[in-house]
Amino acid sequence: MRSRRRIKPKALKKLARAGQSDIPRLMDAIFGPGNWFLEEAESLYIGKDPKYRGKGFGFYAVRPDGSWFRGVVPEGMYTVESPGPDGWLH
């Protein structure tokens, strides 16, 4: 049986700061370059949920502190005639 080691709080804070400073690289790795954007008003990094197949727009949102959530924007929420050339609603 393996023993579990605790991460010291100081080391955990340092790790969290390192992750926060490189969220764009993390988003590129997860969603691919150009498949996410920064929603500046809410300070959220938004990436399309590639597995969402329902109506509307499925997404993942990552906060600057590294926490995240998933959601769906209901169909018709935005009055956009068609998505832009990159597939995003503008």
Protein backbone atom coordinates (compact mmCIF):
# COMPACT_ATOMS: atom_id res chain seq x y z
CA MET A 1 0.00 0.00 0.00
CA ARG A 2 1.30 3.42 -0.94
CA SER A 3 1.58 6.08 1.69
CA ARG A 4 -0.10 9.37 1.00
CA ARG A 5 1.83 12.57 1.40
CA ARG A 6 0.18 15.83 2.22
CA ILE A 7 1.07 18.92 0.29
CA LYS A 8 2.14 21.69 2.61
CA PRO A 9 -0.18 24.73 2.46
CA LYS A 10 2.68 26.98 1.31
CA ALA A 11 3.50 24.61 -1.58
CA LEU A 12 -0.19 24.32 -2.46
CA LYS A 13 -0.52 28.12 -2.71
CA LYS A 14 2.57 28.28 -4.90
CA LEU A 15 1.15 25.59 -7.19
CA ALA A 16 -2.19 27.43 -7.41
CA ARG A 17 -0.45 30.70 -8.33
CA ALA A 18 1.52 28.95 -11.08
CA GLY A 19 -1.67 27.46 -12.51
CA GLN A 20 -3.50 30.78 -12.42
CA SER A 21 -0.81 32.53 -14.40
CA ASP A 22 -0.97 30.01 -17.22
CA ILE A 23 -4.69 29.43 -17.73
CA PRO A 24 -4.49 30.38 -21.44
CA ARG A 25 -1.98 27.56 -22.04
CA LEU A 26 -4.23 25.17 -20.12
CA MET A 27 -7.23 26.23 -22.23
CA ASP A 28 -5.22 25.67 -25.44
CA ALA A 29 -4.26 22.20 -24.23
CA ILE A 30 -7.84 21.25 -23.31
CA PHE A 31 -9.92 22.92 -26.02
CA GLY A 32 -7.34 23.66 -28.70
CA PRO A 33 -6.06 27.05 -29.82
CA GLY A 34 -8.90 29.29 -30.99
CA ASN A 35 -11.62 27.17 -29.36
CA TRP A 36 -11.93 29.26 -26.20
CA PHE A 37 -12.07 32.94 -25.30
CA LEU A 38 -11.69 35.23 -22.30
CA GLU A 39 -14.96 36.84 -21.24
CA GLU A 40 -13.39 39.94 -19.74
CA ALA A 41 -16.48 41.42 -18.06
CA GLU A 42 -16.87 38.32 -15.88
CA SER A 43 -13.18 37.27 -15.88
CA LEU A 44 -14.05 33.82 -17.21
CA TYR A 45 -12.21 31.68 -19.71
CA ILE A 46 -14.94 30.00 -21.81
CA GLY A 47 -14.46 26.87 -23.91
CA LYS A 48 -17.02 24.98 -25.99
CA ASP A 49 -18.13 21.68 -24.49
CA PRO A 50 -17.21 19.27 -27.29
CA LYS A 51 -19.54 16.56 -25.94
CA TYR A 52 -22.67 18.71 -25.64
CA ARG A 53 -25.23 17.73 -28.28
CA GLY A 54 -28.42 19.37 -27.04
CA LYS A 55 -30.06 22.64 -27.99
CA GLY A 56 -28.18 25.78 -27.15
CA PHE A 57 -24.52 26.16 -26.40
CA GLY A 58 -22.66 23.90 -23.94
CA PHE A 59 -19.56 25.36 -22.32
CA TYR A 60 -16.95 25.08 -19.61
CA ALA A 61 -15.96 28.23 -17.72
CA VAL A 62 -12.69 28.56 -15.80
CA ARG A 63 -12.22 31.30 -13.23
CA PRO A 64 -8.85 33.04 -12.72
CA ASP A 65 -8.40 31.09 -9.47
CA GLY A 66 -8.57 27.81 -11.44
CA SER A 67 -12.03 26.74 -10.26
CA TRP A 68 -14.48 25.88 -13.02
CA PHE A 69 -18.07 25.08 -13.86
CA ARG A 70 -20.06 23.77 -16.78
CA GLY A 71 -23.23 25.17 -18.24
CA VAL A 72 -25.58 25.62 -21.17
CA VAL A 73 -26.76 28.83 -22.77
CA PRO A 74 -30.34 28.08 -23.90
CA GLU A 75 -31.19 28.25 -27.58
CA GLY A 76 -32.45 31.69 -28.57
CA MET A 77 -30.74 33.41 -25.65
CA TYR A 78 -28.78 35.55 -28.07
CA THR A 79 -30.32 37.21 -31.09
CA VAL A 80 -27.60 36.39 -33.57
CA GLU A 81 -28.57 35.41 -37.07
CA SER A 82 -25.61 33.11 -37.56
CA PRO A 83 -22.33 32.24 -35.88
CA GLY A 84 -19.15 33.93 -37.06
CA PRO A 85 -16.65 32.17 -39.32
CA ASP A 86 -15.00 30.64 -36.26
CA GLY A 87 -18.29 29.05 -35.11
CA TRP A 88 -18.71 31.35 -32.11
CA LEU A 89 -21.74 33.54 -31.57
CA HIS A 90 -20.64 37.18 -31.77
